[in-house]
Amino acid sequence: MTNTRKDIIYVVVDLWPIADKAQDAKKILYNTIAEAKKERTCLKYELCENLNDPSQITLLQAWSNEQALDQHLTSEVINKATEELRQLLSKPTEIRRYKNIG
């Protein structure tokens, strides 16, 4: 089966690092991004800072399909990053998935 634009899964991951741990959190995320971009099913993986709330950082991702995203989320890289980030965040991470509807 060939993937189409409608197969693409978009992901928004919001994180709130503790102020004095923000650089440590970003370092972990930069490493995660570098590894994720090596995955052929990764179409986009970017780290952004909220212009209205610099304490919030967001990962914007696009994956070729839902199976690709699920494989990424259960990968060793993500499991390690999740464990390392847990102690650096002021509140739980929020993850939202989107699909193209038009």
PDB file of N, CA and C in Angstrom:
ATOM      1  N   MET A   1       0.833  -1.185   0.000  1.00  0.00           N
ATOM      2  CA  MET A   1       0.000   0.000   0.000  1.00  0.00           C
ATOM      3  C   MET A   1       0.880   1.251   0.000  1.00  0.00           C
ATOM      4  N   THR A   2       0.556   2.201  -0.823  1.00  0.00           N
ATOM      5  CA  THR A   2       1.281   3.455  -0.907  1.00  0.00           C
ATOM      6  C   THR A   2       0.664   4.459   0.063  1.00  0.00           C
ATOM      7  N   ASN A   3       1.542   5.149   0.788  1.00  0.00           N
ATOM      8  CA  ASN A   3       1.048   6.172   1.711  1.00  0.00           C
ATOM      9  C   ASN A   3       0.625   7.408   0.927  1.00  0.00           C
ATOM     10  N   THR A   4      -0.428   8.055   1.383  1.00  0.00           N
ATOM     11  CA  THR A   4      -0.898   9.297   0.785  1.00  0.00           C
ATOM     12  C   THR A   4      -0.865  10.387   1.849  1.00  0.00           C
ATOM     13  N   ARG A   5      -1.161  11.604   1.438  1.00  0.00           N
ATOM     14  CA  ARG A   5      -1.199  12.711   2.406  1.00  0.00           C
ATOM     15  C   ARG A   5      -2.165  12.416   3.540  1.00  0.00           C
ATOM     16  N   LYS A   6      -3.230  11.687   3.237  1.00  0.00           N
ATOM     17  CA  LYS A   6      -4.221  11.388   4.277  1.00  0.00           C
ATOM     18  C   LYS A   6      -3.709  10.365   5.280  1.00  0.00           C
ATOM     19  N   ASP A   7      -2.627   9.648   4.938  1.00  0.00           N
ATOM     20  CA  ASP A   7      -2.026   8.691   5.873  1.00  0.00           C
ATOM     21  C   ASP A   7      -1.125   9.390   6.892  1.00  0.00           C
ATOM     22  N   ILE A   8      -0.658  10.578   6.549  1.00  0.00           N
ATOM     23  CA  ILE A   8       0.304  11.279   7.403  1.00  0.00           C
ATOM     24  C   ILE A   8      -0.333  11.611   8.748  1.00  0.00           C
ATOM     25  N   ILE A   9       0.434  11.352   9.798  1.00  0.00           N
ATOM     26  CA  ILE A   9       0.011  11.675  11.162  1.00  0.00           C
ATOM     27  C   ILE A   9       0.872  12.834  11.654  1.00  0.00           C
ATOM     28  N   TYR A  10       0.216  13.880  12.115  1.00  0.00           N
ATOM     29  CA  TYR A  10       0.892  15.047  12.678  1.00  0.00           C
ATOM     30  C   TYR A  10       0.795  14.957  14.196  1.00  0.00           C
ATOM     31  N   VAL A  11       1.872  15.333  14.858  1.00  0.00           N
ATOM     32  CA  VAL A  11       1.924  15.225  16.314  1.00  0.00           C
ATOM     33  C   VAL A  11       2.425  16.543  16.891  1.00  0.00           C
ATOM     34  N   VAL A  12       1.760  16.992  17.949  1.00  0.00           N
ATOM     35  CA  VAL A  12       2.178  18.172  18.700  1.00  0.00           C
ATOM     36  C   VAL A  12       2.436  17.705  20.130  1.00  0.00           C
ATOM     37  N   VAL A  13       3.677  17.893  20.581  1.00  0.00           N
ATOM     38  CA  VAL A  13       4.071  17.474  21.927  1.00  0.00           C
ATOM     39  C   VAL A  13       4.475  18.725  22.699  1.00  0.00           C
ATOM     40  N   ASP A  14       3.716  19.062  23.736  1.00  0.00           N
ATOM     41  CA  ASP A  14       4.015  20.230  24.563  1.00  0.00           C
ATOM     42  C   ASP A  14       4.711  19.789  25.840  1.00  0.00           C
ATOM     43  N   LEU A  15       5.813  20.497  26.151  1.00  0.00           N
ATOM     44  CA  LEU A  15       6.597  20.198  27.350  1.00  0.00           C
ATOM     45  C   LEU A  15       6.865  21.494  28.109  1.00  0.00           C
ATOM     46  N   TRP A  16       6.948  21.383  29.427  1.00  0.00           N
ATOM     47  CA  TRP A  16       7.215  22.535  30.284  1.00  0.00           C
ATOM     48  C   TRP A  16       8.400  22.216  31.192  1.00  0.00           C
ATOM     49  N   PRO A  17       9.618  22.514  30.735  1.00  0.00           N
ATOM     50  CA  PRO A  17      10.783  22.245  31.582  1.00  0.00           C
ATOM     51  C   PRO A  17      10.806  23.163  32.809  1.00  0.00           C
ATOM     52  N   ILE A  18      11.323  22.645  33.895  1.00  0.00           N
ATOM     53  CA  ILE A  18      11.598  23.465  35.075  1.00  0.00           C
ATOM     54  C   ILE A  18      12.613  24.524  34.631  1.00  0.00           C
ATOM     55  N   ALA A  19      12.426  25.768  35.054  1.00  0.00           N
ATOM     56  CA  ALA A  19      13.219  26.892  34.546  1.00  0.00           C
ATOM     57  C   ALA A  19      14.723  26.626  34.549  1.00  0.00           C
ATOM     58  N   ASP A  20      15.263  26.176  35.661  1.00  0.00           N
ATOM     59  CA  ASP A  20      16.716  25.982  35.718  1.00  0.00           C
ATOM     60  C   ASP A  20      17.167  24.651  35.104  1.00  0.00           C
ATOM     61  N   LYS A  21      16.238  23.901  34.545  1.00  0.00           N
ATOM     62  CA  LYS A  21      16.550  22.624  33.886  1.00  0.00           C
ATOM     63  C   LYS A  21      16.260  22.679  32.385  1.00  0.00           C
ATOM     64  N   ALA A  22      15.866  23.855  31.890  1.00  0.00           N
ATOM     65  CA  ALA A  22      15.444  23.980  30.488  1.00  0.00           C
ATOM     66  C   ALA A  22      16.547  23.581  29.511  1.00  0.00           C
ATOM     67  N   GLN A  23      17.774  24.012  29.757  1.00  0.00           N
ATOM     68  CA  GLN A  23      18.864  23.665  28.837  1.00  0.00           C
ATOM     69  C   GLN A  23      19.138  22.164  28.833  1.00  0.00           C
ATOM     70  N   ASP A  24      19.041  21.534  30.004  1.00  0.00           N
ATOM     71  CA  ASP A  24      19.220  20.077  30.074  1.00  0.00           C
ATOM     72  C   ASP A  24      18.132  19.369  29.274  1.00  0.00           C
ATOM     73  N   ALA A  25      16.899  19.844  29.410  1.00  0.00           N
ATOM     74  CA  ALA A  25      15.782  19.244  28.671  1.00  0.00           C
ATOM     75  C   ALA A  25      15.979  19.427  27.167  1.00  0.00           C
ATOM     76  N   LYS A  26      16.383  20.614  26.753  1.00  0.00           N
ATOM     77  CA  LYS A  26      16.591  20.871  25.323  1.00  0.00           C
ATOM     78  C   LYS A  26      17.701  19.990  24.761  1.00  0.00           C
ATOM     79  N   LYS A  27      18.751  19.779  25.525  1.00  0.00           N
ATOM     80  CA  LYS A  27      19.852  18.919  25.069  1.00  0.00           C
ATOM     81  C   LYS A  27      19.344  17.504  24.788  1.00  0.00           C
ATOM     82  N   ILE A  28      18.525  16.980  25.693  1.00  0.00           N
ATOM     83  CA  ILE A  28      17.936  15.648  25.493  1.00  0.00           C
ATOM     84  C   ILE A  28      17.078  15.647  24.234  1.00  0.00           C
ATOM     85  N   LEU A  29      16.284  16.691  24.061  1.00  0.00           N
ATOM     86  CA  LEU A  29      15.401  16.773  22.891  1.00  0.00           C
ATOM     87  C   LEU A  29      16.186  16.923  21.592  1.00  0.00           C
ATOM     88  N   TYR A  30      17.273  17.693  21.598  1.00  0.00           N
ATOM     89  CA  TYR A  30      18.097  17.824  20.392  1.00  0.00           C
ATOM     90  C   TYR A  30      18.643  16.462  19.971  1.00  0.00           C
ATOM     91  N   ASN A  31      19.089  15.668  20.942  1.00  0.00           N
ATOM     92  CA  ASN A  31      19.592  14.323  20.640  1.00  0.00           C
ATOM     93  C   ASN A  31      18.479  13.442  20.087  1.00  0.00           C
ATOM     94  N   THR A  32      17.296  13.555  20.672  1.00  0.00           N
ATOM     95  CA  THR A  32      16.146  12.772  20.215  1.00  0.00           C
ATOM     96  C   THR A  32      15.774  13.157  18.785  1.00  0.00           C
ATOM     97  N   ILE A  33      15.785  14.444  18.498  1.00  0.00           N
ATOM     98  CA  ILE A  33      15.457  14.928  17.158  1.00  0.00           C
ATOM     99  C   ILE A  33      16.439  14.373  16.131  1.00  0.00           C
ATOM    100  N   ALA A  34      17.720  14.422  16.456  1.00  0.00           N
ATOM    101  CA  ALA A  34      18.735  13.914  15.526  1.00  0.00           C
ATOM    102  C   ALA A  34      18.492  12.444  15.201  1.00  0.00           C
ATOM    103  N   GLU A  35      18.155  11.664  16.203  1.00  0.00           N
ATOM    104  CA  GLU A  35      17.888  10.236  15.984  1.00  0.00           C
ATOM    105  C   GLU A  35      16.590  10.025  15.205  1.00  0.00           C
ATOM    106  N   ALA A  36      15.560  10.770  15.546  1.00  0.00           N
ATOM    107  CA  ALA A  36      14.264  10.606  14.872  1.00  0.00           C
ATOM    108  C   ALA A  36      14.372  10.934  13.386  1.00  0.00           C
ATOM    109  N   LYS A  37      15.138  11.951  13.060  1.00  0.00           N
ATOM    110  CA  LYS A  37      15.264  12.355  11.659  1.00  0.00           C
ATOM    111  C   LYS A  37      15.972  11.302  10.808  1.00  0.00           C
ATOM    112  N   LYS A  38      16.624  10.351  11.441  1.00  0.00           N
ATOM    113  CA  LYS A  38      17.257   9.240  10.717  1.00  0.00           C
ATOM    114  C   LYS A  38      16.228   8.199  10.274  1.00  0.00           C
ATOM    115  N   GLU A  39      15.052   8.214  10.914  1.00  0.00           N
ATOM    116  CA  GLU A  39      14.009   7.252  10.570  1.00  0.00           C
ATOM    117  C   GLU A  39      13.388   7.666   9.235  1.00  0.00           C
ATOM    118  N   ARG A  40      13.330   6.740   8.279  1.00  0.00           N
ATOM    119  CA  ARG A  40      12.835   7.096   6.944  1.00  0.00           C
ATOM    120  C   ARG A  40      11.361   7.481   6.947  1.00  0.00           C
ATOM    121  N   THR A  41      10.618   7.072   7.972  1.00  0.00           N
ATOM    122  CA  THR A  41       9.190   7.402   8.052  1.00  0.00           C
ATOM    123  C   THR A  41       8.930   8.737   8.748  1.00  0.00           C
ATOM    124  N   CYS A  42       9.996   9.374   9.228  1.00  0.00           N
ATOM    125  CA  CYS A  42       9.875  10.687   9.873  1.00  0.00           C
ATOM    126  C   CYS A  42       9.900  11.760   8.791  1.00  0.00           C
ATOM    127  N   LEU A  43       8.828  12.521   8.689  1.00  0.00           N
ATOM    128  CA  LEU A  43       8.726  13.569   7.679  1.00  0.00           C
ATOM    129  C   LEU A  43       9.088  14.942   8.232  1.00  0.00           C
ATOM    130  N   LYS A  44       8.907  15.125   9.535  1.00  0.00           N
ATOM    131  CA  LYS A  44       9.220  16.401  10.188  1.00  0.00           C
ATOM    132  C   LYS A  44       9.413  16.136  11.671  1.00  0.00           C
ATOM    133  N   TYR A  45      10.375  16.833  12.276  1.00  0.00           N
ATOM    134  CA  TYR A  45      10.608  16.724  13.719  1.00  0.00           C
ATOM    135  C   TYR A  45      11.322  18.006  14.125  1.00  0.00           C
ATOM    136  N   GLU A  46      10.595  18.963  14.655  1.00  0.00           N
ATOM    137  CA  GLU A  46      11.150  20.276  14.970  1.00  0.00           C
ATOM    138  C   GLU A  46      10.848  20.662  16.409  1.00  0.00           C
ATOM    139  N   LEU A  47      11.786  21.365  17.025  1.00  0.00           N
ATOM    140  CA  LEU A  47      11.606  21.872  18.381  1.00  0.00           C
ATOM    141  C   LEU A  47      11.330  23.367  18.298  1.00  0.00           C
ATOM    142  N   CYS A  48      10.241  23.803  18.918  1.00  0.00           N
ATOM    143  CA  CYS A  48       9.822  25.206  18.871  1.00  0.00           C
ATOM    144  C   CYS A  48       9.599  25.732  20.286  1.00  0.00           C
ATOM    145  N   GLU A  49       9.733  27.051  20.420  1.00  0.00           N
ATOM    146  CA  GLU A  49       9.466  27.704  21.701  1.00  0.00           C
ATOM    147  C   GLU A  49       8.230  28.578  21.544  1.00  0.00           C
ATOM    148  N   ASN A  50       7.341  28.520  22.520  1.00  0.00           N
ATOM    149  CA  ASN A  50       6.117  29.314  22.517  1.00  0.00           C
ATOM    150  C   ASN A  50       6.488  30.796  22.650  1.00  0.00           C
ATOM    151  N   LEU A  51       6.061  31.620  21.701  1.00  0.00           N
ATOM    152  CA  LEU A  51       6.381  33.051  21.736  1.00  0.00           C
ATOM    153  C   LEU A  51       5.712  33.765  22.901  1.00  0.00           C
ATOM    154  N   ASN A  52       4.563  33.280  23.342  1.00  0.00           N
ATOM    155  CA  ASN A  52       3.835  33.903  24.443  1.00  0.00           C
ATOM    156  C   ASN A  52       4.208  33.333  25.801  1.00  0.00           C
ATOM    157  N   ASP A  53       4.839  32.168  25.817  1.00  0.00           N
ATOM    158  CA  ASP A  53       5.209  31.510  27.073  1.00  0.00           C
ATOM    159  C   ASP A  53       6.508  30.738  26.858  1.00  0.00           C
ATOM    160  N   PRO A  54       7.665  31.408  27.020  1.00  0.00           N
ATOM    161  CA  PRO A  54       8.949  30.767  26.757  1.00  0.00           C
ATOM    162  C   PRO A  54       9.245  29.554  27.649  1.00  0.00           C
ATOM    163  N   SER A  55       8.443  29.357  28.686  1.00  0.00           N
ATOM    164  CA  SER A  55       8.653  28.174  29.529  1.00  0.00           C
ATOM    165  C   SER A  55       8.094  26.918  28.863  1.00  0.00           C
ATOM    166  N   GLN A  56       7.348  27.095  27.774  1.00  0.00           N
ATOM    167  CA  GLN A  56       6.772  25.957  27.046  1.00  0.00           C
ATOM    168  C   GLN A  56       7.554  25.730  25.763  1.00  0.00           C
ATOM    169  N   ILE A  57       7.948  24.484  25.541  1.00  0.00           N
ATOM    170  CA  ILE A  57       8.552  24.110  24.271  1.00  0.00           C
ATOM    171  C   ILE A  57       7.688  23.028  23.630  1.00  0.00           C
ATOM    172  N   THR A  58       7.732  22.991  22.323  1.00  0.00           N
ATOM    173  CA  THR A  58       6.846  22.097  21.579  1.00  0.00           C
ATOM    174  C   THR A  58       7.622  21.368  20.496  1.00  0.00           C
ATOM    175  N   LEU A  59       7.368  20.080  20.390  1.00  0.00           N
ATOM    176  CA  LEU A  59       7.877  19.290  19.274  1.00  0.00           C
ATOM    177  C   LEU A  59       6.769  19.194  18.237  1.00  0.00           C
ATOM    178  N   LEU A  60       7.075  19.569  17.007  1.00  0.00           N
ATOM    179  CA  LEU A  60       6.146  19.418  15.893  1.00  0.00           C
ATOM    180  C   LEU A  60       6.666  18.278  15.035  1.00  0.00           C
ATOM    181  N   GLN A  61       5.829  17.275  14.839  1.00  0.00           N
ATOM    182  CA  GLN A  61       6.263  16.084  14.120  1.00  0.00           C
ATOM    183  C   GLN A  61       5.272  15.728  13.022  1.00  0.00           C
ATOM    184  N   ALA A  62       5.775  15.043  12.007  1.00  0.00           N
ATOM    185  CA  ALA A  62       4.924  14.433  10.981  1.00  0.00           C
ATOM    186  C   ALA A  62       5.518  13.070  10.664  1.00  0.00           C
ATOM    187  N   TRP A  63       4.643  12.075  10.606  1.00  0.00           N
ATOM    188  CA  TRP A  63       5.045  10.686  10.348  1.00  0.00           C
ATOM    189  C   TRP A  63       4.269  10.155   9.162  1.00  0.00           C
ATOM    190  N   SER A  64       4.868   9.262   8.415  1.00  0.00           N
ATOM    191  CA  SER A  64       4.255   8.768   7.180  1.00  0.00           C
ATOM    192  C   SER A  64       2.920   8.072   7.417  1.00  0.00           C
ATOM    193  N   ASN A  65       2.754   7.476   8.599  1.00  0.00           N
ATOM    194  CA  ASN A  65       1.479   6.832   8.944  1.00  0.00           C
ATOM    195  C   ASN A  65       1.458   6.549  10.445  1.00  0.00           C
ATOM    196  N   GLU A  66       0.335   6.082  10.935  1.00  0.00           N
ATOM    197  CA  GLU A  66       0.184   5.860  12.375  1.00  0.00           C
ATOM    198  C   GLU A  66       1.100   4.751  12.884  1.00  0.00           C
ATOM    199  N   GLN A  67       1.307   3.724  12.085  1.00  0.00           N
ATOM    200  CA  GLN A  67       2.202   2.633  12.486  1.00  0.00           C
ATOM    201  C   GLN A  67       3.626   3.156  12.690  1.00  0.00           C
ATOM    202  N   ALA A  68       4.076   4.040  11.812  1.00  0.00           N
ATOM    203  CA  ALA A  68       5.411   4.628  11.944  1.00  0.00           C
ATOM    204  C   ALA A  68       5.529   5.410  13.249  1.00  0.00           C
ATOM    205  N   LEU A  69       4.513   6.185  13.566  1.00  0.00           N
ATOM    206  CA  LEU A  69       4.519   6.936  14.825  1.00  0.00           C
ATOM    207  C   LEU A  69       4.547   5.994  16.016  1.00  0.00           C
ATOM    208  N   ASP A  70       3.717   4.969  15.991  1.00  0.00           N
ATOM    209  CA  ASP A  70       3.681   4.017  17.105  1.00  0.00           C
ATOM    210  C   ASP A  70       5.031   3.333  17.301  1.00  0.00           C
ATOM    211  N   GLN A  71       5.700   2.986  16.206  1.00  0.00           N
ATOM    212  CA  GLN A  71       7.027   2.376  16.315  1.00  0.00           C
ATOM    213  C   GLN A  71       8.016   3.358  16.926  1.00  0.00           C
ATOM    214  N   HIS A  72       7.929   4.604  16.524  1.00  0.00           N
ATOM    215  CA  HIS A  72       8.809   5.637  17.079  1.00  0.00           C
ATOM    216  C   HIS A  72       8.574   5.800  18.584  1.00  0.00           C
ATOM    217  N   LEU A  73       7.306   5.855  18.976  1.00  0.00           N
ATOM    218  CA  LEU A  73       6.976   6.083  20.389  1.00  0.00           C
ATOM    219  C   LEU A  73       7.410   4.940  21.297  1.00  0.00           C
ATOM    220  N   THR A  74       7.605   3.762  20.745  1.00  0.00           N
ATOM    221  CA  THR A  74       8.049   2.624  21.560  1.00  0.00           C
ATOM    222  C   THR A  74       9.532   2.324  21.363  1.00  0.00           C
ATOM    223  N   SER A  75      10.236   3.207  20.662  1.00  0.00           N
ATOM    224  CA  SER A  75      11.659   2.991  20.386  1.00  0.00           C
ATOM    225  C   SER A  75      12.501   3.232  21.638  1.00  0.00           C
ATOM    226  N   GLU A  76      13.696   2.682  21.613  1.00  0.00           N
ATOM    227  CA  GLU A  76      14.637   2.851  22.727  1.00  0.00           C
ATOM    228  C   GLU A  76      14.980   4.324  22.935  1.00  0.00           C
ATOM    229  N   VAL A  77      15.129   5.060  21.840  1.00  0.00           N
ATOM    230  CA  VAL A  77      15.465   6.488  21.921  1.00  0.00           C
ATOM    231  C   VAL A  77      14.396   7.252  22.695  1.00  0.00           C
ATOM    232  N   ILE A  78      13.142   7.003  22.378  1.00  0.00           N
ATOM    233  CA  ILE A  78      12.050   7.708  23.053  1.00  0.00           C
ATOM    234  C   ILE A  78      11.903   7.243  24.491  1.00  0.00           C
ATOM    235  N   ASN A  79      12.030   5.963  24.732  1.00  0.00           N
ATOM    236  CA  ASN A  79      11.941   5.463  26.111  1.00  0.00           C
ATOM    237  C   ASN A  79      13.014   6.095  26.986  1.00  0.00           C
ATOM    238  N   LYS A  80      14.231   6.201  26.464  1.00  0.00           N
ATOM    239  CA  LYS A  80      15.334   6.807  27.218  1.00  0.00           C
ATOM    240  C   LYS A  80      15.068   8.296  27.456  1.00  0.00           C
ATOM    241  N   ALA A  81      14.661   9.005  26.418  1.00  0.00           N
ATOM    242  CA  ALA A  81      14.394  10.444  26.550  1.00  0.00           C
ATOM    243  C   ALA A  81      13.264  10.704  27.534  1.00  0.00           C
ATOM    244  N   THR A  82      12.221   9.896  27.466  1.00  0.00           N
ATOM    245  CA  THR A  82      11.083  10.055  28.378  1.00  0.00           C
ATOM    246  C   THR A  82      11.535   9.906  29.820  1.00  0.00           C
ATOM    247  N   GLU A  83      12.347   8.915  30.075  1.00  0.00           N
ATOM    248  CA  GLU A  83      12.841   8.679  31.439  1.00  0.00           C
ATOM    249  C   GLU A  83      13.723   9.843  31.903  1.00  0.00           C
ATOM    250  N   GLU A  84      14.609  10.315  31.039  1.00  0.00           N
ATOM    251  CA  GLU A  84      15.511  11.415  31.398  1.00  0.00           C
ATOM    252  C   GLU A  84      14.757  12.727  31.602  1.00  0.00           C
ATOM    253  N   LEU A  85      13.730  12.966  30.799  1.00  0.00           N
ATOM    254  CA  LEU A  85      12.975  14.220  30.892  1.00  0.00           C
ATOM    255  C   LEU A  85      12.056  14.275  32.102  1.00  0.00           C
ATOM    256  N   ARG A  86      11.622  13.140  32.568  1.00  0.00           N
ATOM    257  CA  ARG A  86      10.627  13.081  33.644  1.00  0.00           C
ATOM    258  C   ARG A  86      10.990  13.992  34.820  1.00  0.00           C
ATOM    259  N   GLN A  87      12.234  13.995  35.225  1.00  0.00           N
ATOM    260  CA  GLN A  87      12.649  14.790  36.391  1.00  0.00           C
ATOM    261  C   GLN A  87      12.954  16.253  36.044  1.00  0.00           C
ATOM    262  N   LEU A  88      12.882  16.594  34.768  1.00  0.00           N
ATOM    263  CA  LEU A  88      13.210  17.952  34.342  1.00  0.00           C
ATOM    264  C   LEU A  88      11.987  18.798  34.001  1.00  0.00           C
ATOM    265  N   LEU A  89      10.799  18.201  34.084  1.00  0.00           N
ATOM    266  CA  LEU A  89       9.579  18.896  33.676  1.00  0.00           C
ATOM    267  C   LEU A  89       8.740  19.331  34.872  1.00  0.00           C
ATOM    268  N   SER A  90       8.098  20.491  34.745  1.00  0.00           N
ATOM    269  CA  SER A  90       7.274  21.015  35.835  1.00  0.00           C
ATOM    270  C   SER A  90       5.862  20.447  35.829  1.00  0.00           C
ATOM    271  N   LYS A  91       5.439  19.885  34.689  1.00  0.00           N
ATOM    272  CA  LYS A  91       4.124  19.247  34.605  1.00  0.00           C
ATOM    273  C   LYS A  91       4.157  18.200  33.499  1.00  0.00           C
ATOM    274  N   PRO A  92       3.166  17.338  33.461  1.00  0.00           N
ATOM    275  CA  PRO A  92       3.182  16.252  32.468  1.00  0.00           C
ATOM    276  C   PRO A  92       3.162  16.758  31.021  1.00  0.00           C
ATOM    277  N   THR A  93       3.813  16.011  30.184  1.00  0.00           N
ATOM    278  CA  THR A  93       3.842  16.282  28.752  1.00  0.00           C
ATOM    279  C   THR A  93       2.455  16.049  28.150  1.00  0.00           C
ATOM    280  N   GLU A  94       2.075  16.901  27.214  1.00  0.00           N
ATOM    281  CA  GLU A  94       0.805  16.733  26.497  1.00  0.00           C
ATOM    282  C   GLU A  94       1.116  16.343  25.058  1.00  0.00           C
ATOM    283  N   ILE A  95       0.484  15.274  24.587  1.00  0.00           N
ATOM    284  CA  ILE A  95       0.696  14.786  23.225  1.00  0.00           C
ATOM    285  C   ILE A  95      -0.646  14.745  22.502  1.00  0.00           C
ATOM    286  N   ARG A  96      -0.685  15.386  21.325  1.00  0.00           N
ATOM    287  CA  ARG A  96      -1.899  15.367  20.507  1.00  0.00           C
ATOM    288  C   ARG A  96      -1.543  14.874  19.106  1.00  0.00           C
ATOM    289  N   ARG A  97      -2.393  13.998  18.575  1.00  0.00           N
ATOM    290  CA  ARG A  97      -2.213  13.457  17.225  1.00  0.00           C
ATOM    291  C   ARG A  97      -3.283  14.049  16.308  1.00  0.00           C
ATOM    292  N   TYR A  98      -2.879  14.315  15.072  1.00  0.00           N
ATOM    293  CA  TYR A  98      -3.802  14.864  14.082  1.00  0.00           C
ATOM    294  C   TYR A  98      -3.663  14.107  12.770  1.00  0.00           C
ATOM    295  N   LYS A  99      -4.743  14.077  11.998  1.00  0.00           N
ATOM    296  CA  LYS A  99      -4.689  13.523  10.648  1.00  0.00           C
ATOM    297  C   LYS A  99      -5.229  14.562   9.680  1.00  0.00           C
ATOM    298  N   ASN A 100      -4.817  14.466   8.451  1.00  0.00           N
ATOM    299  CA  ASN A 100      -5.254  15.373   7.400  1.00  0.00           C
ATOM    300  C   ASN A 100      -6.674  15.001   6.981  1.00  0.00           C
ATOM    301  N   ILE A 101      -7.566  15.965   7.004  1.00  0.00           N
ATOM    302  CA  ILE A 101      -8.946  15.694   6.579  1.00  0.00           C
ATOM    303  C   ILE A 101      -9.333  16.517   5.348  1.00  0.00           C
ATOM    304  N   GLY A 102      -8.382  17.190   4.763  1.00  0.00           N
ATOM    305  CA  GLY A 102      -8.729  17.945   3.571  1.00  0.00           C
ATOM    306  C   GLY A 102      -7.623  18.745   3.128  1.00  0.00           C
TER     307      GLY A 102
END
